[in-house]
């Protein structure tokens, strides 16, 4: 079975948005002195009078950096995709970061060397020069071994037979590896075609509320928290509406949905776990 074009692009898009085009987590050192005073640039000289200005510049051919990755996915034709997203508050408790992971299952075993090369070539050209920071180094953990990029881009991978695991956080990848050892996947069993699990514990609620509050502050600098209160101030879109929906269902610890294709019909079962 070949991977259809629209499914191929959806997999590439998931990898781009969640892992490959994410900005490096390491922040640049701040300036301790004022920048140099800007000066006017020289617009030319009399020696350039014979330079033609009526000719269009040479167009540089754009290279598709994802060509190798598309070829790999087209050849291996993954038949299942799992996305995992998690939040983590910093030690100071001010900011919340997002961690993402993707698991791809194929009908045959993945070629680790081909996967590494395809991912390295897919990195945006502005993030690497002469393959600096695009090489892989092996790491070990209690959950198993995996590979990590040696640059500032957080990207980790491991090949487990027919499963390819990718993440932008080492801790999240190790958790998935540990969970994989304890609980086998339910994908494809008993006609299961889709499975989703949402965790809504108090810890996750707090991180989520802090995150959406930061989104409101970023878009409304100088207007305070924009939380709903008795002063008549309008509520923030994210904190007052999206987080408000989360607060209404604060007693829901988790939600799970299982979809099964039984030929003549497709069933969906949604299970809510409430706090005791």
Protein backbone atom coordinates (compact mmCIF):
# COMPACT_ATOMS: atom_id res chain seq x y z
CA UNK A 1 0.00 0.00 0.00
CA UNK A 2 1.40 3.39 -1.01
CA UNK A 3 1.12 6.50 1.12
CA UNK A 4 -1.33 8.83 -0.61
CA UNK A 5 -0.09 12.33 -1.39
CA UNK A 6 -2.42 14.17 0.99
CA UNK A 7 -1.49 11.81 3.83
CA UNK A 8 2.19 12.27 3.02
CA UNK A 9 1.91 16.05 3.25
CA UNK A 10 -0.01 15.83 6.53
CA UNK A 11 2.81 13.78 8.07
CA UNK A 12 5.44 16.21 6.76
CA UNK A 13 3.41 19.14 8.09
CA UNK A 14 3.17 17.54 11.55
CA UNK A 15 6.95 17.04 11.62
CA UNK A 16 7.61 20.60 10.45
CA UNK A 17 5.23 22.33 12.84
CA UNK A 18 6.06 20.30 15.95
CA UNK A 19 9.74 19.42 15.62
CA UNK A 20 11.79 20.51 12.63
CA UNK A 21 10.97 24.21 12.43
CA UNK A 22 10.84 24.92 16.13
CA UNK A 23 13.17 27.64 17.40
CA UNK A 24 16.18 26.65 19.52
CA UNK A 25 15.47 26.70 23.26
CA UNK A 26 18.81 28.25 24.19
CA UNK A 27 18.48 32.00 24.40
CA UNK A 28 21.18 34.33 23.16
CA UNK A 29 23.21 36.37 25.63
CA UNK A 30 21.76 39.83 26.13
CA UNK A 31 23.81 42.91 25.23
CA UNK A 32 25.54 44.64 28.13
CA UNK A 33 26.50 47.69 26.10
CA UNK A 34 24.63 49.89 23.65
CA UNK A 35 24.89 48.84 19.98
CA UNK A 36 27.18 50.76 17.65
CA UNK A 37 25.73 53.93 16.17
CA UNK A 38 24.15 53.33 12.77
CA UNK A 39 25.81 55.06 9.86
CA UNK A 40 24.66 55.74 6.33
CA UNK A 41 25.65 53.07 3.84
CA UNK A 42 27.52 53.93 0.63
CA UNK A 43 25.07 53.70 -2.26
CA UNK A 44 27.77 53.39 -4.92
CA UNK A 45 30.71 55.11 -6.59
CA UNK A 46 31.78 56.49 -9.96
CA UNK A 47 33.56 53.21 -10.74
CA UNK A 48 30.16 51.50 -11.02
CA UNK A 49 28.83 53.65 -13.86
CA UNK A 50 29.11 50.73 -16.32
CA UNK A 51 27.05 48.39 -14.11
CA UNK A 52 23.70 47.68 -15.76
CA UNK A 53 20.59 48.29 -13.70
CA UNK A 54 18.02 47.32 -16.34
CA UNK A 55 18.57 43.57 -15.98
CA UNK A 56 16.75 41.41 -13.49
CA UNK A 57 18.97 39.74 -10.90
CA UNK A 58 19.76 36.08 -11.35
CA UNK A 59 17.04 34.02 -9.70
CA UNK A 60 18.40 31.52 -7.23
CA UNK A 61 16.72 28.14 -7.58
CA UNK A 62 14.93 27.18 -4.39
CA UNK A 63 15.92 23.78 -3.07
CA UNK A 64 13.27 21.68 -1.36
CA UNK A 65 14.92 20.70 1.91
CA UNK A 66 12.17 18.19 2.62
CA UNK A 67 12.68 16.20 -0.58
CA UNK A 68 14.68 13.45 1.17
CA UNK A 69 12.15 13.26 3.99
CA UNK A 70 9.24 13.01 1.56
CA UNK A 71 11.02 10.26 -0.36
CA UNK A 72 11.64 8.34 2.87
CA UNK A 73 8.01 8.61 3.96
CA UNK A 74 6.75 7.67 0.52
CA UNK A 75 8.93 4.55 0.48
CA UNK A 76 8.17 3.40 4.05
CA UNK A 77 4.47 4.41 3.87
CA UNK A 78 3.72 4.90 7.62
CA UNK A 79 0.24 3.65 8.51
CA UNK A 80 -0.16 5.24 11.96
CA UNK A 81 0.85 8.52 13.58
CA UNK A 82 0.81 9.46 17.26
CA UNK A 83 1.23 13.03 18.53
CA UNK A 84 2.08 13.73 22.17
CA UNK A 85 2.11 17.22 23.66
CA UNK A 86 3.03 18.18 27.21
CA UNK A 87 3.64 21.35 29.22
CA UNK A 88 6.33 22.12 31.76
CA UNK A 89 6.73 25.15 33.99
CA UNK A 90 10.20 26.59 34.52
CA UNK A 91 11.88 26.37 37.91
CA UNK A 92 10.91 29.99 38.60
CA UNK A 93 7.32 29.19 37.69
CA UNK A 94 7.05 32.20 35.36
CA UNK A 95 7.07 30.63 31.89
CA UNK A 96 5.61 27.44 30.49
CA UNK A 97 7.30 25.52 27.67
CA UNK A 98 5.72 23.03 25.28
CA UNK A 99 7.18 19.61 24.53
CA UNK A 100 6.11 17.58 21.50
CA UNK A 101 6.71 14.05 20.27
CA UNK A 102 5.64 12.08 17.21
CA UNK A 103 5.58 8.31 16.78
CA UNK A 104 5.31 6.86 13.26
CA UNK A 105 4.51 3.20 12.62
CA UNK A 106 5.32 1.60 9.27
CA UNK A 107 4.61 -1.84 7.77
CA UNK A 108 8.34 -2.64 7.88
CA UNK A 109 11.32 -1.72 10.06
CA UNK A 110 12.69 1.80 9.71
CA UNK A 111 16.22 2.37 8.43
CA UNK A 112 17.87 4.45 11.18
CA UNK A 113 20.65 5.78 8.92
CA UNK A 114 18.16 6.88 6.26
CA UNK A 115 15.99 8.55 8.93
CA UNK A 116 18.94 10.47 10.36
CA UNK A 117 20.07 11.70 6.96
CA UNK A 118 16.55 12.74 5.92
CA UNK A 119 15.97 14.69 9.14
CA UNK A 120 19.37 16.40 8.96
CA UNK A 121 18.72 17.54 5.39
CA UNK A 122 15.25 18.79 6.38
CA UNK A 123 16.59 21.25 8.94
CA UNK A 124 16.10 24.86 7.78
CA UNK A 125 19.22 26.20 6.07
CA UNK A 126 19.36 29.11 8.51
CA UNK A 127 19.98 26.75 11.43
CA UNK A 128 23.05 24.96 10.14
CA UNK A 129 26.15 25.70 8.05
CA UNK A 130 28.47 22.97 6.80
CA UNK A 131 26.34 20.51 8.83
CA UNK A 132 27.38 22.14 12.13
CA UNK A 133 24.84 21.12 14.75
CA UNK A 134 23.26 18.60 12.36
CA UNK A 135 25.17 15.54 13.53
CA UNK A 136 23.80 12.87 15.84
CA UNK A 137 25.21 11.60 19.11
CA UNK A 138 24.09 8.55 21.08
CA UNK A 139 22.58 8.89 24.56
CA UNK A 140 21.54 6.30 27.11
CA UNK A 141 18.83 6.26 29.75
CA UNK A 142 17.03 3.77 31.95
CA UNK A 143 14.32 3.53 29.29
CA UNK A 144 16.76 2.79 26.45
CA UNK A 145 19.15 4.39 23.98
CA UNK A 146 18.32 7.18 21.56
CA UNK A 147 20.02 9.77 19.33
CA UNK A 148 20.23 13.55 19.80
CA UNK A 149 21.33 16.41 17.55
CA UNK A 150 24.58 17.95 18.76
CA UNK A 151 23.53 21.57 18.08
CA UNK A 152 21.08 24.06 19.55
CA UNK A 153 18.03 22.50 17.86
CA UNK A 154 16.34 20.12 20.33
CA UNK A 155 15.61 16.96 18.36
CA UNK A 156 15.79 13.37 19.59
CA UNK A 157 14.97 10.10 17.84
CA UNK A 158 15.03 6.36 18.25
CA UNK A 159 14.04 3.51 15.97
CA UNK A 160 12.22 0.61 17.59
CA UNK A 161 11.64 -1.79 14.73
CA UNK A 162 8.54 -0.61 12.88
CA UNK A 163 8.16 2.40 15.19
CA UNK A 164 10.00 5.70 14.75
CA UNK A 165 9.96 7.95 17.82
CA UNK A 166 10.81 11.66 17.53
CA UNK A 167 10.69 14.40 20.17
CA UNK A 168 11.99 17.89 20.92
CA UNK A 169 12.57 17.00 24.58
CA UNK A 170 14.72 14.16 25.91
CA UNK A 171 12.61 13.71 29.04
CA UNK A 172 9.41 13.30 27.03
CA UNK A 173 11.03 10.75 24.71
CA UNK A 174 12.29 8.74 27.69
CA UNK A 175 8.78 8.71 29.19
CA UNK A 176 7.36 7.36 25.94
CA UNK A 177 10.05 4.68 25.80
CA UNK A 178 9.32 3.67 29.39
CA UNK A 179 5.57 3.58 28.74
CA UNK A 180 6.14 1.56 25.57
CA UNK A 181 7.93 -1.11 27.58
CA UNK A 182 5.03 -1.43 30.03
CA UNK A 183 1.98 -1.04 27.77
CA UNK A 184 1.77 -2.32 24.20
CA UNK A 185 0.07 -0.10 21.63
CA UNK A 186 -3.65 -0.58 21.02
CA UNK A 187 -3.51 0.81 17.48
CA UNK A 188 -4.93 -1.64 14.97
CA UNK A 189 -6.33 -3.98 17.63
CA UNK A 190 -10.03 -4.83 17.50
CA UNK A 191 -10.48 -2.44 14.58
CA UNK A 192 -9.17 0.62 16.45
CA UNK A 193 -8.43 3.35 13.88
CA UNK A 194 -8.10 6.39 16.16
CA UNK A 195 -7.26 6.86 19.83
CA UNK A 196 -6.87 10.10 21.80
CA UNK A 197 -6.16 10.79 25.46
CA UNK A 198 -6.31 14.18 27.19
CA UNK A 199 -4.95 14.62 30.72
CA UNK A 200 -6.53 17.36 32.81
CA UNK A 201 -5.02 16.88 36.27
CA UNK A 202 -4.58 19.90 38.61
CA UNK A 203 -0.89 20.16 37.66
CA UNK A 204 -1.70 20.31 33.95
CA UNK A 205 -4.52 22.78 34.62
CA UNK A 206 -2.13 25.17 36.36
CA UNK A 207 0.39 25.02 33.51
CA UNK A 208 -2.37 25.54 30.95
CA UNK A 209 -3.83 28.57 32.74
CA UNK A 210 -0.37 30.13 33.09
CA UNK A 211 0.32 29.54 29.40
CA UNK A 212 -2.90 31.14 28.13
CA UNK A 213 -2.43 34.06 30.52
CA UNK A 214 0.99 34.69 28.92
CA UNK A 215 -0.62 34.63 25.47
CA UNK A 216 -3.05 37.37 26.53
CA UNK A 217 -0.28 39.51 28.01
CA UNK A 218 1.83 39.14 24.87
CA UNK A 219 -1.00 40.43 22.69
CA UNK A 220 -2.17 43.16 25.07
CA UNK A 221 0.95 44.74 26.54
CA UNK A 222 0.19 47.24 29.25
CA UNK A 223 -3.43 46.18 29.77
CA UNK A 224 -2.85 43.97 32.77
CA UNK A 225 -4.04 40.38 33.05
CA UNK A 226 -7.31 41.15 31.23
CA UNK A 227 -9.04 38.73 33.53
CA UNK A 228 -12.73 39.00 34.17
CA UNK A 229 -13.38 41.01 37.33
CA UNK A 230 -15.87 43.44 38.80
CA UNK A 231 -14.15 46.53 37.37
CA UNK A 232 -15.81 46.16 33.99
CA UNK A 233 -12.53 45.33 32.31
CA UNK A 234 -12.96 42.95 29.39
CA UNK A 235 -11.68 39.40 29.95
CA UNK A 236 -8.71 38.18 27.97
CA UNK A 237 -9.60 35.96 25.03
CA UNK A 238 -7.44 33.04 26.12
CA UNK A 239 -7.55 33.34 29.90
CA UNK A 240 -11.12 34.55 30.16
CA UNK A 241 -12.62 32.20 27.59
CA UNK A 242 -10.38 29.23 26.80
CA UNK A 243 -9.06 28.84 30.35
CA UNK A 244 -12.56 29.56 31.66
CA UNK A 245 -13.82 26.50 29.80
CA UNK A 246 -11.06 24.49 31.49
CA UNK A 247 -12.09 25.81 34.92
CA UNK A 248 -15.72 24.76 34.36
CA UNK A 249 -14.53 21.16 33.92
CA UNK A 250 -11.80 21.33 36.56
CA UNK A 251 -13.08 18.12 38.17
CA UNK A 252 -12.43 16.14 34.98
CA UNK A 253 -9.06 14.40 35.31
CA UNK A 254 -8.90 12.89 31.83
CA UNK A 255 -10.79 12.19 28.63
CA UNK A 256 -10.23 9.27 26.28
CA UNK A 257 -11.74 8.64 22.85
CA UNK A 258 -11.52 5.37 20.92
CA UNK A 259 -12.72 5.05 17.33
CA UNK A 260 -13.34 1.65 15.71
CA UNK A 261 -14.00 0.89 12.08
CA UNK A 262 -16.30 -2.14 11.98
CA UNK A 263 -16.88 -2.13 8.25
CA UNK A 264 -20.53 -1.20 8.04
CA UNK A 265 -20.25 1.35 10.83
CA UNK A 266 -17.72 3.46 12.70
CA UNK A 267 -18.15 3.79 16.47
CA UNK A 268 -16.63 6.31 18.85
CA UNK A 269 -16.45 5.78 22.60
CA UNK A 270 -15.65 8.74 24.86
CA UNK A 271 -14.72 8.06 28.50
CA UNK A 272 -14.40 10.78 31.15
CA UNK A 273 -12.50 10.21 34.39
CA UNK A 274 -13.73 12.45 37.20
CA UNK A 275 -11.78 13.43 40.30
CA UNK A 276 -12.73 11.47 43.38
